[in-house]
């Protein structure tokens, strides 16, 4: 399984020389296994995907963690949804009295967007998810609601003998700056247990996080403690704050490493980077 980081930024996209190393596009990750491809989240990073790789495919799958704008703002501009020959499946959270189609349509409709979702020419099918297990081709997904404002999923994704855990927006605990000892009180624990690669929210340093407890995001230390607690083999820190320049991210990470040690590799997510599992 190949994992491609197409968008690593949180909240809103950036486009300037001070953020170009870690990337300015919002959340999107592409999975590749042989000829199979799956898209995780549809932030502006979805526009970095080479659509030539999808020509001739009968099914296109986009799996959404949640419906905050930084995870869906690329949908309306993604050319594959405007091809009437494409069967496009969008998978996303249920758990609301309003259907997923209607919730997506609130954003993808006038006056916010000129073309209503119902008028997209592709053959569109919407799948509402709960805490469940489902399969797309060679990929087995385990979806579980996690701690973040609004219905939000984390995903454990198995392909062959490898496991990827994708939790881009997440606060594992509430009301405290540190991780609880009791795993029953840690959101998303089962999703990341002994995973080969954990892509996890790490938007803040400790000082920032102490002022933003309950916002639904994590500090670098909280994400790393979560990875350690779950036995993750590698952690990629994701969902970079749009106000953080590349230099600021480097300073944050250097300071974090000076005061913390872990026995597994940890790195910052870089837009365009690929991982082979």
Protein backbone atom coordinates (compact mmCIF):
# COMPACT_ATOMS: atom_id res chain seq x y z
CA UNK A 1 0.00 0.00 0.00
CA UNK A 2 1.31 3.41 -0.98
CA UNK A 3 0.19 6.45 1.02
CA UNK A 4 0.49 9.86 -0.67
CA UNK A 5 0.00 13.08 1.30
CA UNK A 6 -1.80 15.38 -1.14
CA UNK A 7 -2.80 18.01 1.44
CA UNK A 8 -1.48 18.45 4.99
CA UNK A 9 -2.81 21.84 6.14
CA UNK A 10 -5.71 22.37 8.52
CA UNK A 11 -8.53 24.94 8.71
CA UNK A 12 -7.85 26.84 5.48
CA UNK A 13 -5.33 26.64 2.62
CA UNK A 14 -2.25 28.81 2.41
CA UNK A 15 -0.30 29.87 -0.65
CA UNK A 16 2.94 31.66 0.03
CA UNK A 17 6.67 31.01 0.09
CA UNK A 18 6.67 30.66 3.88
CA UNK A 19 4.49 27.53 3.88
CA UNK A 20 5.50 25.80 0.66
CA UNK A 21 7.76 23.12 2.22
CA UNK A 22 5.15 21.49 4.45
CA UNK A 23 2.42 22.45 2.02
CA UNK A 24 -0.56 24.76 1.89
CA UNK A 25 -3.32 22.45 0.63
CA UNK A 26 -5.91 21.21 3.10
CA UNK A 27 -6.48 17.60 4.09
CA UNK A 28 -6.31 14.89 1.46
CA UNK A 29 -4.48 11.56 1.37
CA UNK A 30 -4.39 9.15 -1.57
CA UNK A 31 -4.05 5.39 -1.15
CA UNK A 32 -2.67 3.19 -3.92
CA UNK A 33 -2.52 -0.59 -4.15
CA UNK A 34 -1.71 -1.90 -7.61
CA UNK A 35 -4.30 -0.31 -9.88
CA UNK A 36 -6.63 0.52 -6.99
CA UNK A 37 -6.87 4.06 -5.65
CA UNK A 38 -8.85 5.58 -2.78
CA UNK A 39 -9.04 9.21 -1.70
CA UNK A 40 -9.23 10.13 1.99
CA UNK A 41 -10.84 13.55 2.53
CA UNK A 42 -11.43 16.17 -0.13
CA UNK A 43 -9.75 19.35 1.00
CA UNK A 44 -7.92 21.44 -1.58
CA UNK A 45 -5.26 18.71 -1.63
CA UNK A 46 -7.59 16.64 -3.82
CA UNK A 47 -6.73 19.06 -6.64
CA UNK A 48 -3.10 17.87 -6.46
CA UNK A 49 -4.13 14.36 -7.51
CA UNK A 50 -3.10 13.32 -11.01
CA UNK A 51 -6.50 12.45 -12.50
CA UNK A 52 -4.80 10.67 -15.41
CA UNK A 53 -4.32 7.76 -12.99
CA UNK A 54 -8.11 7.42 -12.75
CA UNK A 55 -8.87 7.21 -16.46
CA UNK A 56 -10.73 4.04 -17.34
CA UNK A 57 -11.62 3.24 -13.73
CA UNK A 58 -15.21 2.17 -13.15
CA UNK A 59 -15.38 3.30 -9.54
CA UNK A 60 -13.92 6.35 -7.78
CA UNK A 61 -14.07 6.36 -3.99
CA UNK A 62 -13.76 9.40 -1.72
CA UNK A 63 -13.88 8.65 2.01
CA UNK A 64 -14.55 11.62 4.31
CA UNK A 65 -13.67 11.84 7.99
CA UNK A 66 -16.10 14.74 8.55
CA UNK A 67 -17.68 17.72 6.84
CA UNK A 68 -15.70 20.70 8.06
CA UNK A 69 -14.80 22.92 5.13
CA UNK A 70 -11.09 22.09 5.08
CA UNK A 71 -12.02 18.46 4.35
CA UNK A 72 -14.59 19.02 1.61
CA UNK A 73 -13.71 22.32 -0.07
CA UNK A 74 -12.04 20.59 -3.02
CA UNK A 75 -15.05 18.48 -4.04
CA UNK A 76 -16.67 21.11 -6.23
CA UNK A 77 -13.48 21.62 -8.24
CA UNK A 78 -12.46 17.97 -8.66
CA UNK A 79 -12.81 17.22 -12.36
CA UNK A 80 -13.64 13.51 -11.95
CA UNK A 81 -17.06 14.46 -10.54
CA UNK A 82 -17.93 16.27 -13.75
CA UNK A 83 -17.45 13.27 -16.04
CA UNK A 84 -20.79 11.50 -16.71
CA UNK A 85 -18.93 8.23 -17.32
CA UNK A 86 -17.59 8.11 -13.74
CA UNK A 87 -19.22 6.26 -10.88
CA UNK A 88 -18.25 8.27 -7.82
CA UNK A 89 -18.81 6.97 -4.30
CA UNK A 90 -18.59 9.39 -1.38
CA UNK A 91 -18.39 7.73 2.03
CA UNK A 92 -18.88 9.80 5.15
CA UNK A 93 -20.35 10.08 8.64
CA UNK A 94 -23.96 9.44 9.43
CA UNK A 95 -25.07 10.17 12.96
CA UNK A 96 -27.23 13.15 12.08
CA UNK A 97 -30.95 13.74 11.60
CA UNK A 98 -30.05 15.25 8.21
CA UNK A 99 -28.78 12.97 5.45
CA UNK A 100 -25.14 13.12 4.38
CA UNK A 101 -26.26 14.17 0.90
CA UNK A 102 -28.20 17.15 2.28
CA UNK A 103 -25.37 18.15 4.60
CA UNK A 104 -22.87 18.12 1.73
CA UNK A 105 -25.41 19.99 -0.38
CA UNK A 106 -25.51 22.88 2.09
CA UNK A 107 -21.96 23.70 1.05
CA UNK A 108 -22.07 22.52 -2.54
CA UNK A 109 -25.01 24.65 -3.69
CA UNK A 110 -25.80 28.30 -4.43
CA UNK A 111 -25.05 30.86 -3.15
CA UNK A 112 -21.87 29.29 -1.72
CA UNK A 113 -21.09 27.17 -4.80
CA UNK A 114 -22.63 27.73 -8.25
CA UNK A 115 -23.49 24.12 -9.06
CA UNK A 116 -25.75 22.08 -6.74
CA UNK A 117 -24.39 18.68 -5.79
CA UNK A 118 -27.49 17.06 -7.31
CA UNK A 119 -26.52 18.48 -10.73
CA UNK A 120 -23.03 17.02 -10.84
CA UNK A 121 -22.97 14.89 -14.02
CA UNK A 122 -21.17 11.86 -12.56
CA UNK A 123 -23.11 8.86 -11.28
CA UNK A 124 -22.90 9.82 -7.62
CA UNK A 125 -23.64 7.47 -4.75
CA UNK A 126 -23.51 8.56 -1.11
CA UNK A 127 -22.73 6.05 1.67
CA UNK A 128 -23.51 6.97 5.28
CA UNK A 129 -21.21 5.31 7.80
CA UNK A 130 -21.46 4.45 11.48
CA UNK A 131 -19.03 2.61 13.76
CA UNK A 132 -18.55 -0.18 11.26
CA UNK A 133 -16.34 -2.26 9.01
CA UNK A 134 -16.60 -2.01 5.23
CA UNK A 135 -14.53 -3.00 2.23
CA UNK A 136 -13.52 -1.08 -0.88
CA UNK A 137 -11.59 -3.37 -3.20
CA UNK A 138 -8.51 -4.66 -1.38
CA UNK A 139 -8.92 -2.14 1.45
CA UNK A 140 -10.78 -2.96 4.66
CA UNK A 141 -11.93 0.08 6.63
CA UNK A 142 -12.84 0.22 10.29
CA UNK A 143 -14.65 3.48 11.02
CA UNK A 144 -15.18 4.82 14.50
CA UNK A 145 -16.53 8.12 15.79
CA UNK A 146 -13.82 10.09 17.55
CA UNK A 147 -13.56 13.26 19.64
CA UNK A 148 -13.91 16.31 17.37
CA UNK A 149 -16.77 18.80 16.91
CA UNK A 150 -19.56 17.35 14.77
CA UNK A 151 -19.83 13.72 13.60
CA UNK A 152 -16.21 12.79 12.86
CA UNK A 153 -14.52 9.52 12.00
CA UNK A 154 -11.09 8.08 12.42
CA UNK A 155 -10.23 5.20 10.12
CA UNK A 156 -8.18 2.04 10.55
CA UNK A 157 -7.37 0.80 7.05
CA UNK A 158 -6.00 -2.67 6.36
CA UNK A 159 -4.50 -3.72 3.05
CA UNK A 160 -2.66 -7.01 2.84
CA UNK A 161 -0.68 -7.34 6.05
CA UNK A 162 -0.28 -3.58 6.61
CA UNK A 163 -2.34 -1.13 8.64
CA UNK A 164 -2.75 2.62 8.22
CA UNK A 165 -4.57 4.71 10.81
CA UNK A 166 -5.87 8.07 9.61
CA UNK A 167 -7.12 10.46 12.30
CA UNK A 168 -6.45 13.94 10.92
CA UNK A 169 -8.67 15.93 13.32
CA UNK A 170 -8.70 14.55 16.84
CA UNK A 171 -8.45 15.31 20.52
CA UNK A 172 -7.89 11.98 22.30
CA UNK A 173 -8.92 13.33 25.71
CA UNK A 174 -11.01 16.22 27.00
CA UNK A 175 -10.48 18.53 29.94
CA UNK A 176 -6.79 17.82 30.45
CA UNK A 177 -3.50 18.55 28.73
CA UNK A 178 -2.22 14.98 29.20
CA UNK A 179 -3.35 11.53 28.08
CA UNK A 180 -5.39 9.42 30.51
CA UNK A 181 -3.94 6.14 31.78
CA UNK A 182 -7.24 4.29 31.29
CA UNK A 183 -7.60 3.36 27.60
CA UNK A 184 -11.39 3.32 27.93
CA UNK A 185 -11.23 7.12 28.18
CA UNK A 186 -8.96 7.62 25.16
CA UNK A 187 -10.80 8.41 21.93
CA UNK A 188 -9.65 6.41 18.90
CA UNK A 189 -7.45 3.99 20.83
CA UNK A 190 -8.63 0.85 19.00
CA UNK A 191 -8.12 2.46 15.61
CA UNK A 192 -4.40 3.02 16.18
CA UNK A 193 -3.53 -0.13 18.11
CA UNK A 194 -0.21 -1.50 16.75
CA UNK A 195 -0.71 0.32 13.45
CA UNK A 196 2.15 0.48 10.95
CA UNK A 197 1.58 4.17 10.17
CA UNK A 198 -0.41 6.69 12.19
CA UNK A 199 -1.36 9.97 10.50
CA UNK A 200 -2.62 12.11 13.35
CA UNK A 201 -3.58 15.68 14.19
CA UNK A 202 -0.72 17.56 15.90
CA UNK A 203 -1.65 21.16 15.22
CA UNK A 204 -0.31 22.80 18.40
CA UNK A 205 2.63 22.92 20.71
CA UNK A 206 1.95 22.45 24.43
CA UNK A 207 1.51 26.15 25.17
CA UNK A 208 -0.98 26.63 22.33
CA UNK A 209 -2.89 23.51 23.26
CA UNK A 210 -3.23 24.55 26.90
CA UNK A 211 -5.27 27.54 25.68
CA UNK A 212 -7.34 25.51 23.21
CA UNK A 213 -8.39 22.40 25.14
CA UNK A 214 -11.73 21.26 23.80
CA UNK A 215 -11.26 22.68 20.30
CA UNK A 216 -10.90 19.17 18.87
CA UNK A 217 -7.20 19.17 17.98
CA UNK A 218 -3.97 17.84 19.50
CA UNK A 219 -0.55 19.01 20.51
CA UNK A 220 2.61 17.35 19.25
CA UNK A 221 3.11 15.79 22.67
CA UNK A 222 -0.47 14.55 22.96
CA UNK A 223 -0.30 12.98 19.49
CA UNK A 224 3.02 11.32 20.35
CA UNK A 225 1.77 10.03 23.69
CA UNK A 226 -1.27 8.65 21.87
CA UNK A 227 1.00 6.91 19.37
CA UNK A 228 3.11 5.47 22.19
CA UNK A 229 0.06 4.30 24.12
CA UNK A 230 -1.36 2.50 21.07
CA UNK A 231 1.93 0.94 19.99
CA UNK A 232 2.02 2.73 16.62
CA UNK A 233 5.18 1.97 14.67
CA UNK A 234 5.47 5.42 13.02
CA UNK A 235 3.77 8.77 13.57
CA UNK A 236 3.25 11.46 10.96
CA UNK A 237 2.08 14.76 12.49
CA UNK A 238 -0.72 16.19 10.35
CA UNK A 239 -3.17 19.14 10.12
CA UNK A 240 -0.65 21.99 10.26
CA UNK A 241 -1.98 25.29 11.53
CA UNK A 242 -2.31 27.72 8.59
CA UNK A 243 -0.74 30.47 10.72
CA UNK A 244 2.43 28.41 11.21
CA UNK A 245 5.17 29.02 8.66
CA UNK A 246 7.70 26.36 7.72
CA UNK A 247 10.26 28.01 10.00
CA UNK A 248 7.78 28.07 12.86
CA UNK A 249 6.93 24.39 12.32
CA UNK A 250 10.64 23.53 12.41
CA UNK A 251 11.13 25.49 15.63
CA UNK A 252 8.10 23.80 17.22
CA UNK A 253 9.33 20.36 16.23
CA UNK A 254 12.93 21.00 17.35
CA UNK A 255 11.71 22.22 20.73
CA UNK A 256 9.43 19.19 21.03
CA UNK A 257 12.29 16.78 20.28
CA UNK A 258 14.61 18.48 22.78
CA UNK A 259 12.23 17.76 25.65
CA UNK A 260 10.70 14.44 24.54
CA UNK A 261 12.04 11.05 23.47
CA UNK A 262 10.10 8.19 21.92
CA UNK A 263 11.21 4.80 20.64
CA UNK A 264 9.50 5.10 17.24
CA UNK A 265 10.01 7.52 14.34
CA UNK A 266 8.06 10.77 14.35
CA UNK A 267 7.98 13.32 11.55
CA UNK A 268 5.99 16.26 10.27
CA UNK A 269 3.67 15.69 7.33
CA UNK A 270 5.06 17.08 4.07
CA UNK A 271 2.70 17.65 1.16
CA UNK A 272 3.61 15.34 -1.70
CA UNK A 273 5.50 12.81 0.41
CA UNK A 274 4.84 9.12 -0.17
CA UNK A 275 5.04 6.19 2.23
CA UNK A 276 5.29 2.56 1.16
CA UNK A 277 3.76 0.09 3.62
